[in-house]
Amino acid sequence: MRRNLEDRNIRKILRNGDSYAVTLPIEIVRELKWIKKQKVVVRKSGSKIIIEDWKR
């Protein structure tokens, strides 16, 4: 069952062992040209989480 357009970016938090995961919308991953096993940086800014490409 497909979600409505306004609900497309609503995601659930999943638990995998001692870690948590959130799936990202495929449109965003394709737009950023991210690939499988790519390294990213996760940081907190106020009450938001920011995910950025890892720079060497």
PDB file of N, CA and C in Angstrom:
ATOM      1  N   MET A   1       0.843  -1.184   0.000  1.00  0.00           N
ATOM      2  CA  MET A   1       0.000   0.000   0.000  1.00  0.00           C
ATOM      3  C   MET A   1       0.887   1.246   0.000  1.00  0.00           C
ATOM      4  N   ARG A   2       0.649   2.138  -0.918  1.00  0.00           N
ATOM      5  CA  ARG A   2       1.442   3.361  -1.034  1.00  0.00           C
ATOM      6  C   ARG A   2       0.885   4.444  -0.133  1.00  0.00           C
ATOM      7  N   ARG A   3       1.767   5.282   0.362  1.00  0.00           N
ATOM      8  CA  ARG A   3       1.362   6.401   1.209  1.00  0.00           C
ATOM      9  C   ARG A   3       0.890   7.569   0.352  1.00  0.00           C
ATOM     10  N   ASN A   4       0.089   8.424   0.952  1.00  0.00           N
ATOM     11  CA  ASN A   4      -0.290   9.664   0.287  1.00  0.00           C
ATOM     12  C   ASN A   4       0.947  10.529   0.126  1.00  0.00           C
ATOM     13  N   LEU A   5       0.930  11.462  -0.796  1.00  0.00           N
ATOM     14  CA  LEU A   5       2.092  12.313  -1.031  1.00  0.00           C
ATOM     15  C   LEU A   5       2.491  13.101   0.207  1.00  0.00           C
ATOM     16  N   GLU A   6       1.532  13.585   0.973  1.00  0.00           N
ATOM     17  CA  GLU A   6       1.863  14.373   2.164  1.00  0.00           C
ATOM     18  C   GLU A   6       2.423  13.502   3.287  1.00  0.00           C
ATOM     19  N   ASP A   7       2.174  12.190   3.270  1.00  0.00           N
ATOM     20  CA  ASP A   7       2.665  11.273   4.298  1.00  0.00           C
ATOM     21  C   ASP A   7       3.928  10.526   3.869  1.00  0.00           C
ATOM     22  N   ARG A   8       4.448  10.797   2.681  1.00  0.00           N
ATOM     23  CA  ARG A   8       5.563  10.028   2.130  1.00  0.00           C
ATOM     24  C   ARG A   8       6.833  10.130   2.977  1.00  0.00           C
ATOM     25  N   ASN A   9       7.064  11.244   3.641  1.00  0.00           N
ATOM     26  CA  ASN A   9       8.292  11.420   4.410  1.00  0.00           C
ATOM     27  C   ASN A   9       8.139  11.072   5.877  1.00  0.00           C
ATOM     28  N   ILE A  10       7.030  10.497   6.281  1.00  0.00           N
ATOM     29  CA  ILE A  10       6.852  10.037   7.663  1.00  0.00           C
ATOM     30  C   ILE A  10       7.492   8.657   7.775  1.00  0.00           C
ATOM     31  N   ARG A  11       8.423   8.505   8.710  1.00  0.00           N
ATOM     32  CA  ARG A  11       9.175   7.257   8.862  1.00  0.00           C
ATOM     33  C   ARG A  11       9.125   6.766  10.299  1.00  0.00           C
ATOM     34  N   LYS A  12       9.340   5.469  10.485  1.00  0.00           N
ATOM     35  CA  LYS A  12       9.397   4.876  11.816  1.00  0.00           C
ATOM     36  C   LYS A  12      10.850   4.672  12.219  1.00  0.00           C
ATOM     37  N   ILE A  13      11.096   4.691  13.515  1.00  0.00           N
ATOM     38  CA  ILE A  13      12.415   4.383  14.050  1.00  0.00           C
ATOM     39  C   ILE A  13      12.445   2.886  14.326  1.00  0.00           C
ATOM     40  N   LEU A  14      13.452   2.204  13.775  1.00  0.00           N
ATOM     41  CA  LEU A  14      13.600   0.763  13.938  1.00  0.00           C
ATOM     42  C   LEU A  14      14.752   0.485  14.889  1.00  0.00           C
ATOM     43  N   ARG A  15      14.672  -0.635  15.597  1.00  0.00           N
ATOM     44  CA  ARG A  15      15.757  -1.014  16.501  1.00  0.00           C
ATOM     45  C   ARG A  15      16.440  -2.251  15.951  1.00  0.00           C
ATOM     46  N   ASN A  16      17.763  -2.200  15.897  1.00  0.00           N
ATOM     47  CA  ASN A  16      18.556  -3.305  15.384  1.00  0.00           C
ATOM     48  C   ASN A  16      19.668  -3.576  16.394  1.00  0.00           C
ATOM     49  N   GLY A  17      19.432  -4.479  17.313  1.00  0.00           N
ATOM     50  CA  GLY A  17      20.404  -4.747  18.381  1.00  0.00           C
ATOM     51  C   GLY A  17      20.496  -3.548  19.303  1.00  0.00           C
ATOM     52  N   ASP A  18      21.700  -2.966  19.429  1.00  0.00           N
ATOM     53  CA  ASP A  18      21.900  -1.791  20.280  1.00  0.00           C
ATOM     54  C   ASP A  18      21.823  -0.487  19.493  1.00  0.00           C
ATOM     55  N   SER A  19      21.478  -0.567  18.207  1.00  0.00           N
ATOM     56  CA  SER A  19      21.417   0.622  17.357  1.00  0.00           C
ATOM     57  C   SER A  19      19.983   0.901  16.922  1.00  0.00           C
ATOM     58  N   TYR A  20      19.783   2.115  16.477  1.00  0.00           N
ATOM     59  CA  TYR A  20      18.498   2.514  15.925  1.00  0.00           C
ATOM     60  C   TYR A  20      18.696   2.913  14.468  1.00  0.00           C
ATOM     61  N   ALA A  21      17.651   2.748  13.655  1.00  0.00           N
ATOM     62  CA  ALA A  21      17.751   3.060  12.231  1.00  0.00           C
ATOM     63  C   ALA A  21      16.478   3.733  11.748  1.00  0.00           C
ATOM     64  N   VAL A  22      16.650   4.591  10.765  1.00  0.00           N
ATOM     65  CA  VAL A  22      15.525   5.235  10.086  1.00  0.00           C
ATOM     66  C   VAL A  22      15.781   5.084   8.592  1.00  0.00           C
ATOM     67  N   THR A  23      14.796   4.593   7.852  1.00  0.00           N
ATOM     68  CA  THR A  23      14.978   4.488   6.412  1.00  0.00           C
ATOM     69  C   THR A  23      14.803   5.861   5.784  1.00  0.00           C
ATOM     70  N   LEU A  24      15.599   6.132   4.765  1.00  0.00           N
ATOM     71  CA  LEU A  24      15.537   7.413   4.071  1.00  0.00           C
ATOM     72  C   LEU A  24      14.730   7.254   2.787  1.00  0.00           C
ATOM     73  N   PRO A  25      13.987   8.278   2.404  1.00  0.00           N
ATOM     74  CA  PRO A  25      13.241   8.195   1.143  1.00  0.00           C
ATOM     75  C   PRO A  25      14.202   8.032  -0.043  1.00  0.00           C
ATOM     76  N   ILE A  26      13.896   7.117  -0.953  1.00  0.00           N
ATOM     77  CA  ILE A  26      14.768   6.828  -2.077  1.00  0.00           C
ATOM     78  C   ILE A  26      14.988   8.059  -2.950  1.00  0.00           C
ATOM     79  N   GLU A  27      14.006   8.937  -3.034  1.00  0.00           N
ATOM     80  CA  GLU A  27      14.155  10.143  -3.845  1.00  0.00           C
ATOM     81  C   GLU A  27      15.296  11.018  -3.318  1.00  0.00           C
ATOM     82  N   ILE A  28      15.404  11.116  -2.001  1.00  0.00           N
ATOM     83  CA  ILE A  28      16.459  11.930  -1.386  1.00  0.00           C
ATOM     84  C   ILE A  28      17.824  11.277  -1.594  1.00  0.00           C
ATOM     85  N   VAL A  29      17.908   9.964  -1.422  1.00  0.00           N
ATOM     86  CA  VAL A  29      19.176   9.250  -1.598  1.00  0.00           C
ATOM     87  C   VAL A  29      19.653   9.389  -3.049  1.00  0.00           C
ATOM     88  N   ARG A  30      18.754   9.269  -3.994  1.00  0.00           N
ATOM     89  CA  ARG A  30      19.126   9.413  -5.411  1.00  0.00           C
ATOM     90  C   ARG A  30      19.552  10.840  -5.730  1.00  0.00           C
ATOM     91  N   GLU A  31      18.850  11.818  -5.172  1.00  0.00           N
ATOM     92  CA  GLU A  31      19.178  13.222  -5.410  1.00  0.00           C
ATOM     93  C   GLU A  31      20.579  13.557  -4.894  1.00  0.00           C
ATOM     94  N   LEU A  32      20.938  12.988  -3.739  1.00  0.00           N
ATOM     95  CA  LEU A  32      22.263  13.219  -3.146  1.00  0.00           C
ATOM     96  C   LEU A  32      23.344  12.339  -3.771  1.00  0.00           C
ATOM     97  N   LYS A  33      22.930  11.385  -4.615  1.00  0.00           N
ATOM     98  CA  LYS A  33      23.838  10.443  -5.284  1.00  0.00           C
ATOM     99  C   LYS A  33      24.634   9.621  -4.276  1.00  0.00           C
ATOM    100  N   TRP A  34      23.962   9.231  -3.174  1.00  0.00           N
ATOM    101  CA  TRP A  34      24.586   8.367  -2.188  1.00  0.00           C
ATOM    102  C   TRP A  34      24.529   6.934  -2.681  1.00  0.00           C
ATOM    103  N   ILE A  35      25.520   6.118  -2.254  1.00  0.00           N
ATOM    104  CA  ILE A  35      25.587   4.731  -2.680  1.00  0.00           C
ATOM    105  C   ILE A  35      25.627   3.813  -1.462  1.00  0.00           C
ATOM    106  N   LYS A  36      25.465   2.536  -1.723  1.00  0.00           N
ATOM    107  CA  LYS A  36      25.487   1.526  -0.668  1.00  0.00           C
ATOM    108  C   LYS A  36      26.832   1.550   0.061  1.00  0.00           C
ATOM    109  N   LYS A  37      26.805   1.452   1.376  1.00  0.00           N
ATOM    110  CA  LYS A  37      27.970   1.436   2.270  1.00  0.00           C
ATOM    111  C   LYS A  37      28.766   2.736   2.275  1.00  0.00           C
ATOM    112  N   GLN A  38      28.169   3.813   1.811  1.00  0.00           N
ATOM    113  CA  GLN A  38      28.844   5.110   1.838  1.00  0.00           C
ATOM    114  C   GLN A  38      28.938   5.594   3.281  1.00  0.00           C
ATOM    115  N   LYS A  39      30.047   6.224   3.624  1.00  0.00           N
ATOM    116  CA  LYS A  39      30.218   6.757   4.969  1.00  0.00           C
ATOM    117  C   LYS A  39      29.538   8.117   5.066  1.00  0.00           C
ATOM    118  N   VAL A  40      28.820   8.334   6.153  1.00  0.00           N
ATOM    119  CA  VAL A  40      28.163   9.604   6.411  1.00  0.00           C
ATOM    120  C   VAL A  40      28.472  10.046   7.837  1.00  0.00           C
ATOM    121  N   VAL A  41      28.298  11.320   8.104  1.00  0.00           N
ATOM    122  CA  VAL A  41      28.506  11.892   9.433  1.00  0.00           C
ATOM    123  C   VAL A  41      27.133  12.251   9.991  1.00  0.00           C
ATOM    124  N   VAL A  42      26.872  11.820  11.222  1.00  0.00           N
ATOM    125  CA  VAL A  42      25.608  12.129  11.892  1.00  0.00           C
ATOM    126  C   VAL A  42      25.924  13.030  13.071  1.00  0.00           C
ATOM    127  N   ARG A  43      25.241  14.179  13.129  1.00  0.00           N
ATOM    128  CA  ARG A  43      25.468  15.092  14.255  1.00  0.00           C
ATOM    129  C   ARG A  43      24.145  15.708  14.673  1.00  0.00           C
ATOM    130  N   LYS A  44      24.137  16.195  15.898  1.00  0.00           N
ATOM    131  CA  LYS A  44      22.951  16.815  16.469  1.00  0.00           C
ATOM    132  C   LYS A  44      23.133  18.324  16.453  1.00  0.00           C
ATOM    133  N   SER A  45      22.101  19.041  16.037  1.00  0.00           N
ATOM    134  CA  SER A  45      22.110  20.500  16.032  1.00  0.00           C
ATOM    135  C   SER A  45      20.803  20.960  16.671  1.00  0.00           C
ATOM    136  N   GLY A  46      20.876  21.313  17.937  1.00  0.00           N
ATOM    137  CA  GLY A  46      19.646  21.662  18.661  1.00  0.00           C
ATOM    138  C   GLY A  46      18.779  20.431  18.820  1.00  0.00           C
ATOM    139  N   SER A  47      17.556  20.486  18.302  1.00  0.00           N
ATOM    140  CA  SER A  47      16.653  19.337  18.386  1.00  0.00           C
ATOM    141  C   SER A  47      16.581  18.586  17.057  1.00  0.00           C
ATOM    142  N   LYS A  48      17.539  18.835  16.153  1.00  0.00           N
ATOM    143  CA  LYS A  48      17.545  18.195  14.842  1.00  0.00           C
ATOM    144  C   LYS A  48      18.754  17.284  14.689  1.00  0.00           C
ATOM    145  N   ILE A  49      18.633  16.301  13.810  1.00  0.00           N
ATOM    146  CA  ILE A  49      19.731  15.421  13.451  1.00  0.00           C
ATOM    147  C   ILE A  49      20.122  15.757  12.022  1.00  0.00           C
ATOM    148  N   ILE A  50      21.415  15.942  11.792  1.00  0.00           N
ATOM    149  CA  ILE A  50      21.919  16.277  10.464  1.00  0.00           C
ATOM    150  C   ILE A  50      22.788  15.120   9.979  1.00  0.00           C
ATOM    151  N   ILE A  51      22.514  14.647   8.766  1.00  0.00           N
ATOM    152  CA  ILE A  51      23.276  13.564   8.149  1.00  0.00           C
ATOM    153  C   ILE A  51      23.967  14.159   6.922  1.00  0.00           C
ATOM    154  N   GLU A  52      25.303  14.094   6.924  1.00  0.00           N
ATOM    155  CA  GLU A  52      26.085  14.673   5.837  1.00  0.00           C
ATOM    156  C   GLU A  52      27.057  13.648   5.283  1.00  0.00           C
ATOM    157  N   ASP A  53      27.464  13.852   4.044  1.00  0.00           N
ATOM    158  CA  ASP A  53      28.481  13.011   3.431  1.00  0.00           C
ATOM    159  C   ASP A  53      29.780  13.153   4.219  1.00  0.00           C
ATOM    160  N   TRP A  54      30.509  12.053   4.385  1.00  0.00           N
ATOM    161  CA  TRP A  54      31.772  12.063   5.117  1.00  0.00           C
ATOM    162  C   TRP A  54      32.862  12.612   4.214  1.00  0.00           C
ATOM    163  N   LYS A  55      33.563  13.627   4.664  1.00  0.00           N
ATOM    164  CA  LYS A  55      34.674  14.204   3.912  1.00  0.00           C
ATOM    165  C   LYS A  55      35.967  13.707   4.531  1.00  0.00           C
ATOM    166  N   ARG A  56      36.892  13.243   3.721  1.00  0.00           N
ATOM    167  CA  ARG A  56      38.184  12.742   4.216  1.00  0.00           C
ATOM    168  C   ARG A  56      39.011  13.816   4.809  1.00  0.00           C
TER     169      ARG A  56
END
